[in-house]
Amino acid sequence: MVFVEVWLDSSDLPSDLADMRTWLDKNAVDTTGFSYREQVDRILARIAFRTKAGAEAFAACFAGRVVSDIAPSPGANRFVAAHDPGIDRKRGGPE
């Protein structure tokens, strides 16, 4: 498994997550999970990918950093399986 870490602005979180979901769907890139750690005004998201190529493409698009073969950080608040019905897959995003 390969992970990508992306810093997100807390005030834009719903929009950022929708943009990421749209990109993943459009590019047919599979993820296996998601974890995050909150800070004062930003969030460090860690997304798990099945392939290194998918992780690298995602990181390039969202100014992320590829972190290979490590588990979610110990301070992560939540790890969500990629098939979690709570993940919004219907909002619009970048083209």
Protein backbone atom coordinates (compact mmCIF):
# COMPACT_ATOMS: atom_id res chain seq x y z
CA MET A 1 0.00 0.00 0.00
CA VAL A 2 1.15 3.53 -0.77
CA PHE A 3 0.01 6.63 1.11
CA VAL A 4 -0.28 10.28 0.11
CA GLU A 5 -0.34 13.08 2.66
CA VAL A 6 -2.17 16.29 1.73
CA TRP A 7 -2.65 19.44 3.83
CA LEU A 8 -6.20 20.80 3.66
CA ASP A 9 -7.68 24.08 4.86
CA SER A 10 -10.31 23.37 7.53
CA SER A 11 -12.66 26.02 6.15
CA ASP A 12 -12.66 24.41 2.67
CA LEU A 13 -12.78 20.78 3.79
CA PRO A 14 -16.10 19.71 2.19
CA SER A 15 -15.11 21.24 -1.14
CA ASP A 16 -11.59 19.79 -1.01
CA LEU A 17 -12.90 16.29 -0.24
CA ALA A 18 -15.44 16.54 -3.07
CA ASP A 19 -12.69 17.64 -5.47
CA MET A 20 -10.54 14.69 -4.45
CA ARG A 21 -13.41 12.22 -4.83
CA THR A 22 -14.24 13.60 -8.28
CA TRP A 23 -10.60 13.31 -9.36
CA LEU A 24 -10.40 9.72 -8.09
CA ASP A 25 -13.58 8.73 -9.93
CA LYS A 26 -12.62 10.52 -13.15
CA ASN A 27 -9.17 8.92 -13.19
CA ALA A 28 -10.39 5.48 -12.03
CA VAL A 29 -7.86 5.44 -9.20
CA ASP A 30 -8.64 3.08 -6.32
CA THR A 31 -8.04 3.97 -2.70
CA THR A 32 -8.21 1.67 0.29
CA GLY A 33 -8.74 4.20 3.05
CA PHE A 34 -8.43 7.66 4.53
CA SER A 35 -7.21 9.03 7.84
CA TYR A 36 -6.73 12.56 9.11
CA ARG A 37 -5.21 14.61 11.90
CA GLU A 38 -6.67 17.98 12.83
CA GLN A 39 -4.64 21.05 13.70
CA VAL A 40 -5.80 24.57 14.49
CA ASP A 41 -6.76 25.71 10.99
CA ARG A 42 -5.73 22.82 8.78
CA ILE A 43 -5.99 19.09 8.43
CA LEU A 44 -3.39 16.55 7.38
CA ALA A 45 -5.19 13.92 5.31
CA ARG A 46 -3.56 10.58 4.53
CA ILE A 47 -5.05 8.58 1.68
CA ALA A 48 -4.11 4.95 1.05
CA PHE A 49 -3.73 3.82 -2.56
CA ARG A 50 -3.53 0.39 -4.15
CA THR A 51 -0.87 1.47 -6.66
CA LYS A 52 2.14 3.75 -6.58
CA ALA A 53 1.20 5.22 -9.97
CA GLY A 54 -2.23 6.27 -8.65
CA ALA A 55 -0.69 7.74 -5.51
CA GLU A 56 1.88 9.73 -7.49
CA ALA A 57 -0.72 11.14 -9.88
CA PHE A 58 -2.99 12.14 -6.99
CA ALA A 59 -0.11 13.74 -5.08
CA ALA A 60 0.90 15.76 -8.14
CA CYS A 61 -2.64 17.04 -8.63
CA PHE A 62 -3.29 17.96 -4.97
CA ALA A 63 0.17 19.18 -3.89
CA GLY A 64 0.59 16.08 -1.76
CA ARG A 65 3.52 13.96 -0.74
CA VAL A 66 3.87 10.22 -1.40
CA VAL A 67 4.73 8.23 1.70
CA SER A 68 5.24 4.58 0.79
CA ASP A 69 4.54 1.48 2.83
CA ILE A 70 3.64 2.98 6.18
CA ALA A 71 0.49 2.72 8.27
CA PRO A 72 -1.73 5.70 9.16
CA SER A 73 -0.08 8.03 11.65
CA PRO A 74 -0.67 7.20 15.32
CA GLY A 75 -2.33 10.59 15.89
CA ALA A 76 -4.91 9.96 13.16
CA ASN A 77 -8.45 10.66 14.29
CA ARG A 78 -10.19 8.23 12.00
CA PHE A 79 -9.48 5.71 9.30
CA VAL A 80 -12.28 5.32 6.78
CA ALA A 81 -12.46 2.41 4.39
CA ALA A 82 -12.75 3.52 0.79
CA HIS A 83 -16.17 1.89 0.50
CA ASP A 84 -17.54 3.82 3.51
CA PRO A 85 -21.04 5.04 2.53
CA GLY A 86 -20.34 8.27 4.44
CA ILE A 87 -17.92 9.41 1.74
CA ASP A 88 -19.71 11.86 -0.55
CA ARG A 89 -19.26 10.68 -4.15
CA LYS A 90 -21.84 12.94 -5.81
CA ARG A 91 -20.41 16.45 -5.47
CA GLY A 92 -18.66 18.19 -8.34
CA GLY A 93 -14.95 18.98 -8.57
CA PRO A 94 -12.14 19.94 -10.89
CA GLU A 95 -12.05 18.67 -14.43
